[in-house]
N, C-alpha and C. Protein backbone atom coordinates (compact mmCIF):
# COMPACT_ATOMS: atom_id res chain seq x y z
N MET A 1 -29.99 72.35 99.33
CA MET A 1 -30.57 71.18 98.51
C MET A 1 -31.37 71.47 97.44
N SER A 2 -31.01 70.54 96.67
CA SER A 2 -31.94 70.16 95.40
C SER A 2 -32.96 69.48 95.28
N LYS A 3 -33.70 70.04 94.59
CA LYS A 3 -35.11 69.10 94.52
C LYS A 3 -34.94 68.10 93.10
N ARG A 4 -34.23 68.21 92.57
CA ARG A 4 -33.83 67.80 91.05
C ARG A 4 -34.14 66.19 91.31
N LYS A 5 -34.96 65.24 90.52
CA LYS A 5 -34.35 63.78 90.66
C LYS A 5 -32.90 63.32 90.42
N THR A 6 -32.76 62.39 91.05
CA THR A 6 -31.70 61.75 90.76
C THR A 6 -31.39 60.54 90.55
N PHE A 7 -30.78 59.65 89.66
CA PHE A 7 -30.89 58.25 89.40
C PHE A 7 -29.45 57.80 89.13
N SER A 8 -29.16 56.65 89.57
CA SER A 8 -27.90 55.75 89.26
C SER A 8 -28.21 54.69 88.02
N GLY A 9 -27.51 54.79 86.99
CA GLY A 9 -27.81 53.29 86.15
C GLY A 9 -26.59 53.09 85.28
N THR A 10 -26.65 51.88 84.14
CA THR A 10 -25.88 51.52 83.41
C THR A 10 -25.71 52.24 82.38
N VAL A 11 -24.50 52.68 81.59
CA VAL A 11 -24.48 53.50 80.27
C VAL A 11 -24.88 52.20 79.01
N THR A 12 -25.70 52.26 78.44
CA THR A 12 -26.09 51.19 77.05
C THR A 12 -25.49 51.41 76.03
N SER A 13 -25.83 53.13 75.81
CA SER A 13 -25.07 53.49 74.29
C SER A 13 -24.35 54.65 74.64
N ASP A 14 -23.35 54.93 74.01
CA ASP A 14 -22.71 56.38 73.79
C ASP A 14 -22.22 56.80 72.21
N LYS A 15 -23.32 56.57 71.21
CA LYS A 15 -23.18 56.13 70.19
C LYS A 15 -23.24 57.94 69.82
N MET A 16 -23.96 58.98 70.38
CA MET A 16 -24.44 60.04 69.82
C MET A 16 -23.39 60.81 70.58
N GLN A 17 -22.91 62.10 69.63
CA GLN A 17 -22.41 63.05 70.45
C GLN A 17 -22.80 63.74 71.27
N LYS A 18 -21.84 63.58 72.41
CA LYS A 18 -22.43 64.34 73.72
C LYS A 18 -23.69 63.93 74.31
N THR A 19 -24.23 62.70 73.98
CA THR A 19 -25.26 62.22 74.54
C THR A 19 -24.91 60.83 75.21
N ILE A 20 -25.41 60.05 76.18
CA ILE A 20 -25.54 58.85 76.31
C ILE A 20 -26.92 58.30 76.92
N VAL A 21 -27.26 57.07 76.61
CA VAL A 21 -27.96 56.15 77.12
C VAL A 21 -28.08 55.65 78.45
N VAL A 22 -29.01 55.77 79.24
CA VAL A 22 -28.71 55.22 80.46
C VAL A 22 -29.91 54.44 80.86
N ARG A 23 -29.67 53.33 81.42
CA ARG A 23 -31.11 52.33 81.71
C ARG A 23 -31.06 52.11 83.52
N THR A 24 -31.54 52.64 83.64
CA THR A 24 -31.75 52.65 85.37
C THR A 24 -32.85 51.38 85.69
N MET A 25 -32.78 50.57 86.95
CA MET A 25 -33.31 49.40 87.12
C MET A 25 -34.19 49.82 88.33
N HIS A 26 -35.44 49.47 88.74
CA HIS A 26 -36.31 49.23 89.77
C HIS A 26 -36.84 48.20 90.00
N THR A 27 -37.70 48.12 91.59
CA THR A 27 -38.12 47.08 91.69
C THR A 27 -39.72 47.67 92.10
N THR A 28 -40.53 46.91 91.69
CA THR A 28 -42.47 47.56 92.11
C THR A 28 -43.10 46.25 92.03
N LYS A 29 -44.15 46.22 93.04
CA LYS A 29 -44.89 45.19 93.27
C LYS A 29 -46.28 44.93 92.01
N HIS A 30 -46.29 43.99 91.90
CA HIS A 30 -47.22 43.84 90.50
C HIS A 30 -48.27 44.00 91.00
N GLN A 31 -49.50 45.09 90.28
CA GLN A 31 -50.91 45.36 91.30
C GLN A 31 -51.74 44.31 91.15
N LYS A 32 -51.66 43.31 90.03
CA LYS A 32 -52.86 42.63 90.62
C LYS A 32 -52.22 41.18 91.36
N TYR A 33 -51.06 40.85 90.92
CA TYR A 33 -50.54 39.49 91.86
C TYR A 33 -49.75 39.43 92.66
N GLY A 34 -49.04 40.95 93.02
CA GLY A 34 -48.45 41.03 94.30
C GLY A 34 -46.56 40.32 94.17
N ARG A 35 -46.44 40.23 93.02
CA ARG A 35 -45.32 39.84 92.97
C ARG A 35 -44.45 40.88 92.75
N ILE A 36 -43.34 40.93 93.49
CA ILE A 36 -42.24 41.90 93.14
C ILE A 36 -41.34 41.98 91.81
N VAL A 37 -41.39 42.55 91.04
CA VAL A 37 -41.03 42.70 89.35
C VAL A 37 -39.90 43.75 89.19
N ARG A 38 -38.90 43.59 88.31
CA ARG A 38 -37.94 44.40 88.10
C ARG A 38 -38.35 44.98 86.68
N LYS A 39 -38.36 46.63 86.78
CA LYS A 39 -38.41 47.42 85.60
C LYS A 39 -37.63 47.98 85.38
N SER A 40 -37.32 48.63 84.19
CA SER A 40 -36.43 49.47 83.72
C SER A 40 -36.66 50.88 82.92
N ASN A 41 -35.69 52.04 82.99
CA ASN A 41 -36.00 52.74 81.89
C ASN A 41 -34.75 53.26 81.53
N LYS A 42 -35.14 53.95 80.07
CA LYS A 42 -34.01 54.57 79.59
C LYS A 42 -34.26 55.62 79.56
N PHE A 43 -33.20 56.48 79.69
CA PHE A 43 -33.13 58.17 79.67
C PHE A 43 -31.84 58.49 78.78
N LYS A 44 -32.31 59.35 78.00
CA LYS A 44 -31.05 59.88 77.11
C LYS A 44 -30.39 61.07 78.14
N VAL A 45 -29.28 61.25 78.22
CA VAL A 45 -28.63 61.82 79.49
C VAL A 45 -27.26 63.14 78.50
N HIS A 46 -27.40 63.87 78.67
CA HIS A 46 -25.91 64.99 78.26
C HIS A 46 -24.82 64.80 78.92
N ASP A 47 -24.05 64.54 78.29
CA ASP A 47 -22.38 63.97 78.65
C ASP A 47 -21.89 64.99 77.75
N GLU A 48 -21.26 66.24 78.35
CA GLU A 48 -20.54 67.42 77.72
C GLU A 48 -19.57 66.99 77.23
N LYS A 49 -18.82 66.21 78.30
CA LYS A 49 -16.89 65.70 77.88
C LYS A 49 -17.05 64.29 77.52
N GLN A 50 -18.08 63.94 77.29
CA GLN A 50 -18.01 62.38 76.38
C GLN A 50 -17.49 61.45 77.40
N ALA A 51 -17.12 61.63 78.43
CA ALA A 51 -16.45 60.61 79.22
C ALA A 51 -16.88 59.50 79.69
N ALA A 52 -18.19 59.04 79.64
CA ALA A 52 -18.94 57.72 80.06
C ALA A 52 -19.04 56.93 78.80
N LYS A 53 -18.65 55.74 78.77
CA LYS A 53 -18.50 54.59 77.94
C LYS A 53 -19.58 53.81 78.45
N ILE A 54 -19.64 52.91 77.51
CA ILE A 54 -20.81 51.41 77.52
C ILE A 54 -20.50 50.93 78.95
N GLY A 55 -21.01 50.59 79.77
CA GLY A 55 -21.02 49.70 80.68
C GLY A 55 -20.47 50.08 82.11
N ASP A 56 -20.37 51.48 81.97
CA ASP A 56 -20.04 52.48 83.03
C ASP A 56 -21.60 52.61 84.02
N VAL A 57 -21.35 52.63 85.37
CA VAL A 57 -22.30 53.09 85.93
C VAL A 57 -22.38 54.67 86.55
N VAL A 58 -23.26 55.36 86.41
CA VAL A 58 -23.55 56.96 86.59
C VAL A 58 -24.46 57.40 87.17
N LEU A 59 -24.00 58.28 87.50
CA LEU A 59 -25.03 58.87 88.34
C LEU A 59 -25.80 60.16 87.54
N ILE A 60 -26.95 60.41 87.51
CA ILE A 60 -27.60 61.54 86.38
C ILE A 60 -28.60 62.28 87.52
N GLU A 61 -28.70 63.61 86.99
CA GLU A 61 -29.55 64.85 87.43
C GLU A 61 -30.63 65.23 86.49
N GLU A 62 -31.84 65.53 87.07
CA GLU A 62 -32.73 66.12 85.77
C GLU A 62 -32.27 67.34 85.63
N THR A 63 -32.90 67.63 84.55
CA THR A 63 -32.41 69.35 84.36
C THR A 63 -33.49 70.00 83.60
N ARG A 64 -33.07 71.09 83.02
CA ARG A 64 -34.09 71.56 81.96
C ARG A 64 -34.22 70.71 80.65
N PRO A 65 -35.09 71.04 79.99
CA PRO A 65 -35.25 70.48 78.68
C PRO A 65 -33.99 70.73 77.54
N LEU A 66 -32.85 69.80 77.17
CA LEU A 66 -31.89 70.32 76.54
C LEU A 66 -32.15 69.59 75.13
N SER A 67 -33.34 69.01 74.56
CA SER A 67 -33.61 68.66 72.97
C SER A 67 -35.23 67.80 73.66
N LYS A 68 -35.28 67.45 72.02
CA LYS A 68 -37.00 66.57 72.49
C LYS A 68 -36.85 65.70 73.69
N GLY A 69 -35.98 64.87 73.66
CA GLY A 69 -35.81 63.52 74.42
C GLY A 69 -34.78 63.69 75.72
N LYS A 70 -34.14 64.36 75.54
CA LYS A 70 -32.90 64.72 76.72
C LYS A 70 -33.27 65.72 77.65
N ARG A 71 -33.35 65.00 78.92
CA ARG A 71 -33.83 66.01 80.40
C ARG A 71 -33.02 65.57 81.42
N PHE A 72 -31.96 65.10 81.21
CA PHE A 72 -31.26 64.30 82.21
C PHE A 72 -29.74 65.20 82.02
N ARG A 73 -28.76 65.29 82.99
CA ARG A 73 -27.31 65.75 82.67
C ARG A 73 -26.54 64.68 83.46
N LEU A 74 -24.91 64.42 83.18
CA LEU A 74 -24.46 63.41 83.69
C LEU A 74 -23.79 64.41 84.83
N VAL A 75 -23.82 63.54 86.41
CA VAL A 75 -23.43 64.10 87.43
C VAL A 75 -21.71 63.92 87.71
N LYS A 76 -21.78 62.32 87.71
CA LYS A 76 -20.51 61.69 88.03
C LYS A 76 -20.58 60.20 87.52
N ILE A 77 -19.52 59.77 86.90
CA ILE A 77 -19.15 58.34 87.07
C ILE A 77 -19.19 57.42 88.32
N ILE A 78 -19.87 56.81 88.55
CA ILE A 78 -19.41 56.25 89.81
C ILE A 78 -18.77 55.09 89.74
N GLN A 79 -18.79 54.35 88.48
CA GLN A 79 -18.06 52.98 88.65
C GLN A 79 -17.45 52.90 86.69
N LYS A 80 -16.16 52.48 86.37
CA LYS A 80 -15.86 52.47 85.30
C LYS A 80 -16.12 50.93 84.75
N GLU A 81 -16.75 50.57 83.47
CA GLU A 81 -16.61 49.32 83.13
C GLU A 81 -15.18 48.87 83.26
N ALA A 82 -15.17 47.47 83.64
CA ALA A 82 -14.00 46.55 84.01
C ALA A 82 -13.05 46.36 82.41
N ALA A 83 -12.06 46.27 82.25
CA ALA A 83 -11.58 46.39 81.01
C ALA A 83 -11.92 45.32 80.45
N PRO A 84 -12.25 45.15 78.98
CA PRO A 84 -12.60 43.77 78.37
C PRO A 84 -12.04 42.57 78.27
N ALA A 85 -12.17 41.56 78.34
CA ALA A 85 -11.54 40.71 78.25
C ALA A 85 -10.64 39.85 77.04
N ILE A 86 -9.54 39.45 76.58
CA ILE A 86 -9.09 39.59 75.10
C ILE A 86 -9.86 38.20 74.66
N GLU A 87 -10.15 38.30 73.33
CA GLU A 87 -10.75 36.88 73.06
C GLU A 87 -9.45 36.01 72.48
N ILE A 88 -9.60 35.25 72.66
CA ILE A 88 -8.67 34.20 71.86
C ILE A 88 -9.12 33.06 71.00
N LYS A 89 -8.56 33.47 69.70
CA LYS A 89 -9.52 33.03 68.44
C LYS A 89 -8.69 31.49 68.35
N ASP A 90 -9.41 30.66 67.77
CA ASP A 90 -9.11 29.63 67.24
C ASP A 90 -7.87 29.54 66.22
N PRO A 91 -6.81 28.79 66.18
CA PRO A 91 -6.12 28.77 65.49
C PRO A 91 -6.37 28.82 63.66
N VAL A 92 -5.98 29.34 62.84
CA VAL A 92 -5.98 29.26 61.32
C VAL A 92 -5.62 28.31 61.16
N ILE A 93 -6.81 27.04 60.36
CA ILE A 93 -6.16 25.94 59.57
C ILE A 93 -6.08 26.24 58.15
N GLU A 94 -5.04 25.77 58.02
CA GLU A 94 -4.46 25.98 56.17
C GLU A 94 -5.20 25.18 55.52
N LYS A 95 -5.86 25.42 54.75
CA LYS A 95 -6.41 24.47 53.68
C LYS A 95 -5.13 23.88 52.75
N LYS A 96 -5.46 22.75 52.47
CA LYS A 96 -4.33 22.47 51.18
C LYS A 96 -5.04 22.58 49.56
N PRO A 97 -4.27 23.17 48.98
CA PRO A 97 -5.02 22.91 47.63
C PRO A 97 -5.67 21.86 46.96
N GLU A 98 -6.89 21.66 46.63
CA GLU A 98 -7.42 20.43 46.22
C GLU A 98 -6.00 19.50 45.07
N GLY A 99 -6.25 18.13 45.33
CA GLY A 99 -5.38 17.01 44.44
C GLY A 99 -4.26 17.01 45.27
N GLU A 100 -3.85 17.64 46.28
CA GLU A 100 -2.83 17.57 47.08
C GLU A 100 -3.22 16.61 48.42
N LYS A 101 -2.29 15.67 48.73
CA LYS A 101 -2.96 14.88 49.97
C LYS A 101 -2.01 15.33 51.45
């Protein structure tokens, strides 16, 4: 049984080599007003195989410090991002040269 912390979150950046940024969401009660508030944390996560892409839901686990800001590693990809929708662009409007009607 591992005593390491595990979180699930969404990948928000994959622009670094072997590193992704994962946003985790949690709810907490406001200390003064008692209202339930959604909060998020962003963690830099080691992704050895560079498998995770933006929008994927992933499971991460605490590990030894790998760099100044990297303290988690990717365990598995829970859900891949849905295929991006194809954009339909407006038809190109041809401009007539000046002087023509």
